[in-house]
Amino acid sequence: MTRKKLWILVAVVVVLGGLVTVNLASRRSHGKEVQAEKVRQRSLETWVRSPGWIQPITSVDISSNVTGRVEKLHVREGEAVRKGQLLLTLDDTRLRSAVQQYEAMLGAARSQLTLTEAQRDLAEQILTRRENLFGGGLLSSEELEAARVELRVAQAQMAAQRDEVKRLRAALEETRRNLAETRFLAP
């Protein structure tokens, strides 16, 4: 062989040897890194990370019949609560004002009922007097009939006013219930 061919052969062997060495070095595993400590007695802990979710022992959904802005949260999410503990409050300004309005309207309606009862009593007395006068021939039948109509009108006004008092009492109670529902307690 000639010298030139020999050098080419040596160069090819060296290049192939270098490629084989690099290839083997890159495939070699370095193993896992470990921590070393002095031997001593202690408890072992294991940590496992896994996707999932936590289900509470008891889950309670709460809702309200009234809507409003949450004024204050009294517990944090995930915090343990006791039965009857205040969870949150809604803004109750509008409902407190409505309760005061209904209380005032109910008071006025009761006063108006007292007035219509007095008017009815007066109409009854007038009718009794007119019946006596009519019996004595001192009053016309038209005036007696007018007194009877006035009594029926007064009775109708009194019945209407009683219904108004009932309606306002019911509205006040409903508004008070709605006001109570602005405070959420743990069931």
N, C-alpha and C. Protein backbone atom coordinates (compact mmCIF):
# COMPACT_ATOMS: atom_id res chain seq x y z
N MET A 1 0.81 -1.16 0.00
CA MET A 1 0.00 0.00 0.00
C MET A 1 0.87 1.24 0.00
N THR A 2 0.34 2.19 -0.56
CA THR A 2 1.10 3.41 -0.66
C THR A 2 0.84 4.26 0.58
N ARG A 3 1.71 5.15 0.72
CA ARG A 3 1.61 5.99 1.90
C ARG A 3 0.34 6.81 1.92
N LYS A 4 -0.03 7.27 0.82
CA LYS A 4 -1.23 8.09 0.73
C LYS A 4 -2.44 7.27 1.14
N LYS A 5 -2.56 6.06 0.68
CA LYS A 5 -3.69 5.21 1.02
C LYS A 5 -3.67 4.87 2.50
N LEU A 6 -2.47 4.69 3.03
CA LEU A 6 -2.34 4.37 4.44
C LEU A 6 -2.85 5.53 5.30
N TRP A 7 -2.48 6.74 4.94
CA TRP A 7 -2.97 7.91 5.70
C TRP A 7 -4.49 8.05 5.58
N ILE A 8 -5.05 7.79 4.47
CA ILE A 8 -6.50 7.87 4.30
C ILE A 8 -7.17 6.82 5.17
N LEU A 9 -6.58 5.60 5.17
CA LEU A 9 -7.15 4.51 5.98
C LEU A 9 -7.05 4.87 7.46
N VAL A 10 -5.95 5.44 7.90
CA VAL A 10 -5.79 5.81 9.30
C VAL A 10 -6.79 6.92 9.64
N ALA A 11 -6.97 7.88 8.76
CA ALA A 11 -7.92 8.99 8.99
C ALA A 11 -9.35 8.45 9.09
N VAL A 12 -9.70 7.50 8.21
CA VAL A 12 -11.05 6.93 8.25
C VAL A 12 -11.26 6.17 9.55
N VAL A 13 -10.24 5.40 10.01
CA VAL A 13 -10.35 4.64 11.25
C VAL A 13 -10.49 5.60 12.44
N VAL A 14 -9.71 6.67 12.43
CA VAL A 14 -9.76 7.63 13.54
C VAL A 14 -11.15 8.30 13.56
N VAL A 15 -11.67 8.73 12.43
CA VAL A 15 -12.99 9.38 12.37
C VAL A 15 -14.08 8.41 12.83
N LEU A 16 -14.01 7.16 12.33
CA LEU A 16 -15.00 6.16 12.74
C LEU A 16 -14.88 5.85 14.23
N GLY A 17 -13.69 5.78 14.73
CA GLY A 17 -13.49 5.53 16.16
C GLY A 17 -14.03 6.68 16.99
N GLY A 18 -13.83 7.90 16.55
CA GLY A 18 -14.35 9.08 17.25
C GLY A 18 -15.87 9.09 17.26
N LEU A 19 -16.49 8.73 16.14
CA LEU A 19 -17.95 8.68 16.07
C LEU A 19 -18.52 7.62 16.99
N VAL A 20 -17.88 6.46 17.02
CA VAL A 20 -18.34 5.38 17.89
C VAL A 20 -18.20 5.80 19.35
N THR A 21 -17.10 6.44 19.72
CA THR A 21 -16.87 6.87 21.10
C THR A 21 -17.91 7.91 21.51
N VAL A 22 -18.18 8.90 20.68
CA VAL A 22 -19.17 9.94 20.98
C VAL A 22 -20.55 9.32 21.12
N ASN A 23 -20.88 8.41 20.24
CA ASN A 23 -22.19 7.75 20.27
C ASN A 23 -22.36 6.95 21.55
N LEU A 24 -21.35 6.20 21.96
CA LEU A 24 -21.44 5.41 23.18
C LEU A 24 -21.49 6.31 24.42
N ALA A 25 -20.79 7.40 24.41
CA ALA A 25 -20.79 8.31 25.55
C ALA A 25 -22.15 8.99 25.72
N SER A 26 -22.81 9.31 24.62
CA SER A 26 -24.10 9.99 24.73
C SER A 26 -25.20 9.03 25.18
N ARG A 27 -25.08 7.75 24.95
CA ARG A 27 -26.10 6.77 25.35
C ARG A 27 -25.94 6.33 26.79
N ARG A 28 -24.85 6.57 27.38
CA ARG A 28 -24.61 6.11 28.74
C ARG A 28 -25.52 6.86 29.70
N SER A 29 -26.20 6.16 30.60
CA SER A 29 -27.10 6.79 31.56
C SER A 29 -26.29 7.21 32.77
N HIS A 30 -26.70 8.34 33.32
CA HIS A 30 -25.98 8.87 34.46
C HIS A 30 -26.60 8.42 35.77
N GLY A 31 -27.76 7.75 35.75
CA GLY A 31 -28.42 7.26 36.96
C GLY A 31 -29.19 8.37 37.65
N LYS A 32 -29.94 8.03 38.70
CA LYS A 32 -30.72 9.00 39.45
C LYS A 32 -29.86 9.62 40.53
N GLU A 33 -30.16 10.86 40.79
CA GLU A 33 -29.45 11.56 41.85
C GLU A 33 -30.09 11.17 43.17
N VAL A 34 -29.30 10.91 44.16
CA VAL A 34 -29.80 10.51 45.47
C VAL A 34 -29.23 11.45 46.53
N GLN A 35 -29.95 11.50 47.69
CA GLN A 35 -29.47 12.28 48.82
C GLN A 35 -28.93 11.29 49.84
N ALA A 36 -27.81 11.59 50.37
CA ALA A 36 -27.21 10.74 51.39
C ALA A 36 -27.26 11.46 52.73
N GLU A 37 -27.60 10.71 53.79
CA GLU A 37 -27.64 11.27 55.14
C GLU A 37 -27.03 10.27 56.09
N LYS A 38 -26.71 10.77 57.28
CA LYS A 38 -26.24 9.87 58.32
C LYS A 38 -27.39 9.00 58.78
N VAL A 39 -27.11 7.80 59.16
CA VAL A 39 -28.13 6.87 59.62
C VAL A 39 -28.62 7.32 60.99
N ARG A 40 -29.96 7.43 61.13
CA ARG A 40 -30.57 7.77 62.41
C ARG A 40 -32.03 7.31 62.36
N GLN A 41 -32.64 7.23 63.52
CA GLN A 41 -34.01 6.75 63.59
C GLN A 41 -34.96 7.94 63.49
N ARG A 42 -35.96 7.84 62.59
CA ARG A 42 -36.98 8.88 62.41
C ARG A 42 -38.13 8.30 61.60
N SER A 43 -39.23 9.05 61.55
CA SER A 43 -40.38 8.57 60.78
C SER A 43 -40.20 8.98 59.32
N LEU A 44 -40.71 8.15 58.45
CA LEU A 44 -40.62 8.41 57.02
C LEU A 44 -41.91 9.05 56.54
N GLU A 45 -41.78 9.95 55.62
CA GLU A 45 -42.94 10.60 55.03
C GLU A 45 -42.90 10.35 53.53
N THR A 46 -44.08 10.19 52.97
CA THR A 46 -44.19 10.00 51.54
C THR A 46 -45.14 11.06 50.99
N TRP A 47 -44.72 11.70 49.97
CA TRP A 47 -45.56 12.71 49.32
C TRP A 47 -45.94 12.18 47.95
N VAL A 48 -47.25 12.23 47.65
CA VAL A 48 -47.74 11.80 46.35
C VAL A 48 -48.56 12.93 45.77
N ARG A 49 -48.27 13.31 44.57
CA ARG A 49 -49.06 14.32 43.88
C ARG A 49 -49.92 13.61 42.86
N SER A 50 -51.21 13.92 42.93
CA SER A 50 -52.14 13.25 42.03
C SER A 50 -53.30 14.19 41.75
N PRO A 51 -53.78 14.24 40.51
CA PRO A 51 -54.95 15.08 40.25
C PRO A 51 -56.19 14.48 40.89
N GLY A 52 -57.12 15.33 41.30
CA GLY A 52 -58.35 14.85 41.91
C GLY A 52 -59.08 16.00 42.57
N TRP A 53 -60.14 15.69 43.30
CA TRP A 53 -60.89 16.70 44.01
C TRP A 53 -61.34 16.15 45.35
N ILE A 54 -61.62 17.06 46.25
CA ILE A 54 -62.02 16.68 47.61
C ILE A 54 -63.53 16.76 47.70
N GLN A 55 -64.15 15.74 48.24
CA GLN A 55 -65.59 15.73 48.47
C GLN A 55 -65.82 15.91 49.97
N PRO A 56 -66.60 16.91 50.36
CA PRO A 56 -66.87 17.09 51.79
C PRO A 56 -67.78 15.98 52.31
N ILE A 57 -67.76 15.78 53.62
CA ILE A 57 -68.64 14.80 54.23
C ILE A 57 -70.08 15.24 54.03
N THR A 58 -70.35 16.51 54.27
CA THR A 58 -71.69 17.06 54.08
C THR A 58 -71.57 18.29 53.20
N SER A 59 -72.33 18.31 52.13
CA SER A 59 -72.35 19.46 51.23
C SER A 59 -73.74 20.08 51.30
N VAL A 60 -73.79 21.40 51.47
CA VAL A 60 -75.07 22.09 51.59
C VAL A 60 -75.08 23.24 50.60
N ASP A 61 -76.12 23.31 49.79
CA ASP A 61 -76.32 24.44 48.89
C ASP A 61 -77.25 25.42 49.57
N ILE A 62 -76.91 26.70 49.51
CA ILE A 62 -77.77 27.71 50.09
C ILE A 62 -78.22 28.66 48.98
N SER A 63 -79.41 29.20 49.14
CA SER A 63 -79.91 30.17 48.18
C SER A 63 -80.88 31.10 48.91
N SER A 64 -81.25 32.14 48.22
CA SER A 64 -82.13 33.12 48.83
C SER A 64 -83.25 33.47 47.86
N ASN A 65 -84.38 33.88 48.41
CA ASN A 65 -85.49 34.35 47.58
C ASN A 65 -85.34 35.82 47.25
N VAL A 66 -84.39 36.49 47.88
CA VAL A 66 -84.16 37.90 47.60
C VAL A 66 -82.81 38.05 46.92
N THR A 67 -82.71 39.07 46.10
CA THR A 67 -81.44 39.35 45.44
C THR A 67 -80.84 40.60 46.06
N GLY A 68 -79.56 40.67 45.99
CA GLY A 68 -78.89 41.84 46.54
C GLY A 68 -77.38 41.70 46.46
N ARG A 69 -76.71 42.77 46.77
CA ARG A 69 -75.26 42.80 46.76
C ARG A 69 -74.76 42.21 48.08
N VAL A 70 -73.75 41.35 47.99
CA VAL A 70 -73.18 40.77 49.20
C VAL A 70 -72.47 41.89 49.95
N GLU A 71 -72.91 42.09 51.18
CA GLU A 71 -72.33 43.16 52.01
C GLU A 71 -71.08 42.66 52.74
N LYS A 72 -71.16 41.44 53.30
CA LYS A 72 -70.02 40.94 54.04
C LYS A 72 -70.03 39.41 54.07
N LEU A 73 -68.86 38.83 53.82
CA LEU A 73 -68.66 37.39 53.99
C LEU A 73 -68.08 37.18 55.38
N HIS A 74 -68.69 36.30 56.15
CA HIS A 74 -68.25 36.10 57.53
C HIS A 74 -67.37 34.86 57.69
N VAL A 75 -67.19 34.06 56.62
CA VAL A 75 -66.33 32.88 56.66
C VAL A 75 -65.51 32.84 55.38
N ARG A 76 -64.42 32.09 55.42
CA ARG A 76 -63.59 31.91 54.23
C ARG A 76 -63.93 30.57 53.59
N GLU A 77 -63.67 30.47 52.31
CA GLU A 77 -63.95 29.23 51.59
C GLU A 77 -63.14 28.09 52.20
N GLY A 78 -63.81 26.97 52.44
CA GLY A 78 -63.16 25.80 53.00
C GLY A 78 -63.13 25.78 54.51
N GLU A 79 -63.53 26.87 55.15
CA GLU A 79 -63.51 26.95 56.61
C GLU A 79 -64.66 26.11 57.18
N ALA A 80 -64.40 25.41 58.28
CA ALA A 80 -65.45 24.64 58.95
C ALA A 80 -66.41 25.59 59.65
N VAL A 81 -67.71 25.28 59.57
CA VAL A 81 -68.72 26.11 60.20
C VAL A 81 -69.62 25.27 61.10
N ARG A 82 -70.26 25.94 62.05
CA ARG A 82 -71.21 25.28 62.96
C ARG A 82 -72.63 25.65 62.54
N LYS A 83 -73.57 24.84 62.95
CA LYS A 83 -74.98 25.10 62.66
C LYS A 83 -75.37 26.43 63.30
N GLY A 84 -76.04 27.27 62.50
CA GLY A 84 -76.49 28.56 62.99
C GLY A 84 -75.47 29.68 62.85
N GLN A 85 -74.26 29.37 62.41
CA GLN A 85 -73.22 30.39 62.26
C GLN A 85 -73.55 31.28 61.07
N LEU A 86 -73.34 32.58 61.22
CA LEU A 86 -73.59 33.54 60.16
C LEU A 86 -72.54 33.37 59.06
N LEU A 87 -73.00 33.14 57.81
CA LEU A 87 -72.10 32.92 56.69
C LEU A 87 -71.87 34.21 55.90
N LEU A 88 -72.96 34.88 55.53
CA LEU A 88 -72.83 36.13 54.78
C LEU A 88 -74.09 36.96 54.97
N THR A 89 -73.96 38.25 54.68
CA THR A 89 -75.10 39.14 54.74
C THR A 89 -75.19 39.91 53.42
N LEU A 90 -76.43 40.10 52.98
CA LEU A 90 -76.69 40.92 51.80
C LEU A 90 -77.00 42.34 52.25
N ASP A 91 -76.85 43.28 51.35
CA ASP A 91 -77.21 44.67 51.64
C ASP A 91 -78.72 44.72 51.89
N ASP A 92 -79.13 45.14 53.07
CA ASP A 92 -80.54 45.13 53.45
C ASP A 92 -81.13 46.52 53.59
N THR A 93 -80.46 47.53 53.08
CA THR A 93 -80.91 48.92 53.22
C THR A 93 -82.30 49.11 52.63
N ARG A 94 -82.51 48.60 51.42
CA ARG A 94 -83.78 48.76 50.73
C ARG A 94 -84.91 48.06 51.49
N LEU A 95 -84.64 46.87 52.00
CA LEU A 95 -85.68 46.12 52.71
C LEU A 95 -85.99 46.73 54.08
N ARG A 96 -84.97 47.23 54.78
CA ARG A 96 -85.24 47.90 56.06
C ARG A 96 -86.12 49.13 55.84
N SER A 97 -85.85 49.86 54.77
CA SER A 97 -86.65 51.03 54.43
C SER A 97 -88.08 50.61 54.09
N ALA A 98 -88.23 49.51 53.36
CA ALA A 98 -89.57 49.03 53.00
C ALA A 98 -90.34 48.61 54.26
N VAL A 99 -89.67 47.98 55.21
CA VAL A 99 -90.33 47.59 56.46
C VAL A 99 -90.84 48.84 57.18
N GLN A 100 -90.02 49.86 57.25
CA GLN A 100 -90.45 51.10 57.91
C GLN A 100 -91.64 51.73 57.19
N GLN A 101 -91.61 51.70 55.85
CA GLN A 101 -92.73 52.26 55.09
C GLN A 101 -94.01 51.48 55.35
N TYR A 102 -93.94 50.16 55.33
CA TYR A 102 -95.13 49.35 55.56
C TYR A 102 -95.65 49.51 56.99
N GLU A 103 -94.74 49.66 57.95
CA GLU A 103 -95.18 49.89 59.33
C GLU A 103 -95.95 51.22 59.42
N ALA A 104 -95.44 52.25 58.75
CA ALA A 104 -96.11 53.55 58.76
C ALA A 104 -97.45 53.46 58.03
N MET A 105 -97.48 52.80 56.89
CA MET A 105 -98.72 52.67 56.14
C MET A 105 -99.75 51.86 56.93
N LEU A 106 -99.29 50.82 57.64
CA LEU A 106 -100.21 50.02 58.45
C LEU A 106 -100.77 50.86 59.60
N GLY A 107 -99.95 51.66 60.22
CA GLY A 107 -100.44 52.55 61.27
C GLY A 107 -101.49 53.52 60.75
N ALA A 108 -101.23 54.08 59.57
CA ALA A 108 -102.20 55.01 58.96
C ALA A 108 -103.49 54.28 58.60
N ALA A 109 -103.37 53.06 58.10
CA ALA A 109 -104.56 52.29 57.72
C ALA A 109 -105.38 51.93 58.96
N ARG A 110 -104.73 51.62 60.05
CA ARG A 110 -105.46 51.33 61.30
C ARG A 110 -106.20 52.58 61.80
N SER A 111 -105.54 53.72 61.70
CA SER A 111 -106.20 54.98 62.08
C SER A 111 -107.40 55.25 61.18
N GLN A 112 -107.23 55.00 59.89
CA GLN A 112 -108.33 55.19 58.95
C GLN A 112 -109.47 54.22 59.25
N LEU A 113 -109.14 52.98 59.67
CA LEU A 113 -110.17 52.01 60.04
C LEU A 113 -110.95 52.51 61.26
N THR A 114 -110.25 53.07 62.23
CA THR A 114 -110.93 53.64 63.40
C THR A 114 -111.88 54.75 62.98
N LEU A 115 -111.44 55.58 62.04
CA LEU A 115 -112.28 56.66 61.53
C LEU A 115 -113.51 56.11 60.82
N THR A 116 -113.34 55.11 59.96
CA THR A 116 -114.49 54.56 59.24
C THR A 116 -115.45 53.83 60.18
N GLU A 117 -114.92 53.22 61.25
CA GLU A 117 -115.81 52.60 62.25
C GLU A 117 -116.65 53.67 62.95
N ALA A 118 -116.04 54.81 63.25
CA ALA A 118 -116.78 55.92 63.89
C ALA A 118 -117.83 56.46 62.93
N GLN A 119 -117.49 56.56 61.64
CA GLN A 119 -118.45 57.04 60.65
C GLN A 119 -119.63 56.07 60.51
N ARG A 120 -119.32 54.77 60.58
CA ARG A 120 -120.38 53.77 60.53
C ARG A 120 -121.30 53.89 61.74
N ASP A 121 -120.71 54.05 62.93
CA ASP A 121 -121.50 54.21 64.16
C ASP A 121 -122.40 55.44 64.06
N LEU A 122 -121.84 56.52 63.54
CA LEU A 122 -122.63 57.75 63.37
C LEU A 122 -123.77 57.52 62.39
N ALA A 123 -123.48 56.82 61.27
CA ALA A 123 -124.52 56.54 60.28
C ALA A 123 -125.62 55.67 60.87
N GLU A 124 -125.28 54.73 61.77
CA GLU A 124 -126.28 53.90 62.44
C GLU A 124 -127.17 54.76 63.35
N GLN A 125 -126.55 55.67 64.07
CA GLN A 125 -127.32 56.55 64.97
C GLN A 125 -128.25 57.46 64.17
N ILE A 126 -127.75 57.99 63.07
CA ILE A 126 -128.57 58.86 62.23
C ILE A 126 -129.75 58.07 61.66
N LEU A 127 -129.49 56.83 61.22
CA LEU A 127 -130.56 56.00 60.68
C LEU A 127 -131.62 55.72 61.76
N THR A 128 -131.18 55.42 62.98
CA THR A 128 -132.12 55.14 64.07
C THR A 128 -133.00 56.38 64.33
N ARG A 129 -132.40 57.57 64.40
CA ARG A 129 -133.16 58.80 64.62
C ARG A 129 -134.16 59.05 63.49
N ARG A 130 -133.70 58.83 62.26
CA ARG A 130 -134.57 59.09 61.11
C ARG A 130 -135.73 58.07 61.05
N GLU A 131 -135.44 56.84 61.46
CA GLU A 131 -136.54 55.86 61.51
C GLU A 131 -137.59 56.30 62.54
N ASN A 132 -137.14 56.81 63.68
CA ASN A 132 -138.08 57.32 64.70
C ASN A 132 -138.88 58.50 64.17
N LEU A 133 -138.17 59.41 63.48
CA LEU A 133 -138.87 60.57 62.91
C LEU A 133 -139.85 60.14 61.82
N PHE A 134 -139.43 59.17 61.01
CA PHE A 134 -140.30 58.67 59.95
C PHE A 134 -141.55 58.01 60.55
N GLY A 135 -141.33 57.25 61.65
CA GLY A 135 -142.46 56.61 62.34
C GLY A 135 -143.44 57.63 62.89
N GLY A 136 -142.96 58.79 63.27
CA GLY A 136 -143.84 59.85 63.79
C GLY A 136 -144.40 60.72 62.68
N GLY A 137 -144.05 60.43 61.45
CA GLY A 137 -144.57 61.19 60.31
C GLY A 137 -143.87 62.51 60.12
N LEU A 138 -142.71 62.68 60.71
CA LEU A 138 -141.98 63.95 60.61
C LEU A 138 -140.87 63.92 59.56
N LEU A 139 -140.73 62.81 58.85
CA LEU A 139 -139.61 62.69 57.89
C LEU A 139 -140.14 61.98 56.64
N SER A 140 -139.60 62.40 55.50
CA SER A 140 -140.02 61.77 54.24
C SER A 140 -139.28 60.44 54.05
N SER A 141 -139.83 59.61 53.19
CA SER A 141 -139.22 58.30 52.91
C SER A 141 -137.89 58.46 52.19
N GLU A 142 -137.73 59.53 51.41
CA GLU A 142 -136.46 59.77 50.71
C GLU A 142 -135.32 60.02 51.70
N GLU A 143 -135.62 60.79 52.73
CA GLU A 143 -134.59 61.07 53.73
C GLU A 143 -134.24 59.82 54.53
N LEU A 144 -135.24 58.97 54.79
CA LEU A 144 -134.97 57.69 55.48
C LEU A 144 -134.12 56.79 54.60
N GLU A 145 -134.45 56.73 53.31
CA GLU A 145 -133.67 55.90 52.37
C GLU A 145 -132.24 56.44 52.24
N ALA A 146 -132.06 57.73 52.25
CA ALA A 146 -130.72 58.34 52.18
C ALA A 146 -129.90 57.94 53.40
N ALA A 147 -130.52 57.87 54.59
CA ALA A 147 -129.81 57.46 55.80
C ALA A 147 -129.40 56.00 55.71
N ARG A 148 -130.28 55.16 55.13
CA ARG A 148 -129.93 53.75 54.94
C ARG A 148 -128.75 53.59 53.98
N VAL A 149 -128.74 54.36 52.90
CA VAL A 149 -127.64 54.32 51.92
C VAL A 149 -126.34 54.78 52.57
N GLU A 150 -126.42 55.86 53.36
CA GLU A 150 -125.22 56.35 54.05
C GLU A 150 -124.65 55.28 54.98
N LEU A 151 -125.52 54.52 55.65
CA LEU A 151 -125.05 53.44 56.52
C LEU A 151 -124.37 52.34 55.70
N ARG A 152 -124.97 51.96 54.56
CA ARG A 152 -124.34 50.92 53.72
C ARG A 152 -122.98 51.39 53.18
N VAL A 153 -122.90 52.65 52.81
CA VAL A 153 -121.63 53.21 52.32
C VAL A 153 -120.58 53.17 53.43
N ALA A 154 -120.97 53.55 54.63
CA ALA A 154 -120.03 53.54 55.76
C ALA A 154 -119.59 52.12 56.07
N GLN A 155 -120.51 51.15 55.99
CA GLN A 155 -120.15 49.74 56.23
C GLN A 155 -119.20 49.23 55.15
N ALA A 156 -119.43 49.62 53.90
CA ALA A 156 -118.56 49.20 52.80
C ALA A 156 -117.16 49.81 52.96
N GLN A 157 -117.13 51.08 53.35
CA GLN A 157 -115.82 51.74 53.56
C GLN A 157 -115.07 51.06 54.71
N MET A 158 -115.80 50.68 55.75
CA MET A 158 -115.15 50.01 56.88
C MET A 158 -114.62 48.64 56.46
N ALA A 159 -115.41 47.89 55.67
CA ALA A 159 -114.95 46.57 55.19
C ALA A 159 -113.72 46.73 54.29
N ALA A 160 -113.74 47.74 53.42
CA ALA A 160 -112.60 47.99 52.54
C ALA A 160 -111.36 48.36 53.35
N GLN A 161 -111.57 49.15 54.39
CA GLN A 161 -110.43 49.55 55.22
C GLN A 161 -109.87 48.37 56.00
N ARG A 162 -110.74 47.45 56.47
CA ARG A 162 -110.26 46.24 57.14
C ARG A 162 -109.42 45.40 56.18
N ASP A 163 -109.89 45.28 54.93
CA ASP A 163 -109.12 44.54 53.92
C ASP A 163 -107.76 45.20 53.66
N GLU A 164 -107.76 46.52 53.66
CA GLU A 164 -106.49 47.25 53.45
C GLU A 164 -105.53 46.98 54.60
N VAL A 165 -106.04 46.95 55.83
CA VAL A 165 -105.19 46.65 56.99
C VAL A 165 -104.63 45.25 56.86
N LYS A 166 -105.46 44.28 56.46
CA LYS A 166 -104.98 42.90 56.26
C LYS A 166 -103.91 42.84 55.18
N ARG A 167 -104.15 43.54 54.06
CA ARG A 167 -103.19 43.54 52.95
C ARG A 167 -101.85 44.12 53.40
N LEU A 168 -101.90 45.25 54.10
CA LEU A 168 -100.66 45.89 54.55
C LEU A 168 -99.95 45.03 55.60
N ARG A 169 -100.71 44.35 56.46
CA ARG A 169 -100.09 43.46 57.45
C ARG A 169 -99.36 42.32 56.75
N ALA A 170 -100.01 41.75 55.71
CA ALA A 170 -99.38 40.66 54.96
C ALA A 170 -98.13 41.15 54.21
N ALA A 171 -98.20 42.34 53.62
CA ALA A 171 -97.04 42.90 52.91
C ALA A 171 -95.90 43.17 53.88
N LEU A 172 -96.25 43.65 55.08
CA LEU A 172 -95.22 43.91 56.08
C LEU A 172 -94.55 42.61 56.51
N GLU A 173 -95.34 41.56 56.74
CA GLU A 173 -94.76 40.27 57.14
C GLU A 173 -93.87 39.70 56.04
N GLU A 174 -94.29 39.81 54.78
CA GLU A 174 -93.47 39.31 53.68
C GLU A 174 -92.15 40.09 53.59
N THR A 175 -92.23 41.39 53.77
CA THR A 175 -91.02 42.21 53.72
C THR A 175 -90.09 41.87 54.89
N ARG A 176 -90.65 41.59 56.05
CA ARG A 176 -89.82 41.18 57.19
C ARG A 176 -89.16 39.83 56.92
N ARG A 177 -89.90 38.89 56.30
CA ARG A 177 -89.29 37.60 55.94
C ARG A 177 -88.15 37.80 54.94
N ASN A 178 -88.38 38.65 53.94
CA ASN A 178 -87.33 38.94 52.96
C ASN A 178 -86.12 39.58 53.64
N LEU A 179 -86.38 40.45 54.60
CA LEU A 179 -85.28 41.08 55.34
C LEU A 179 -84.49 40.02 56.11
N ALA A 180 -85.19 39.07 56.70
CA ALA A 180 -84.51 38.00 57.44
C ALA A 180 -83.67 37.14 56.49
N GLU A 181 -84.07 37.04 55.22
CA GLU A 181 -83.32 36.22 54.27
C GLU A 181 -82.07 36.91 53.74
N THR A 182 -81.78 38.10 54.20
CA THR A 182 -80.53 38.75 53.80
C THR A 182 -79.38 38.28 54.67
N ARG A 183 -79.68 37.47 55.70
CA ARG A 183 -78.66 36.91 56.57
C ARG A 183 -78.66 35.40 56.34
N PHE A 184 -77.54 34.86 55.87
CA PHE A 184 -77.43 33.43 55.60
C PHE A 184 -76.77 32.74 56.77
N LEU A 185 -77.48 31.81 57.39
CA LEU A 185 -76.95 31.03 58.51
C LEU A 185 -76.67 29.62 58.04
N ALA A 186 -75.66 28.99 58.62
CA ALA A 186 -75.33 27.61 58.25
C ALA A 186 -76.45 26.69 58.71
N PRO A 187 -76.97 25.84 57.81
CA PRO A 187 -78.05 24.93 58.20
C PRO A 187 -77.57 23.81 59.11
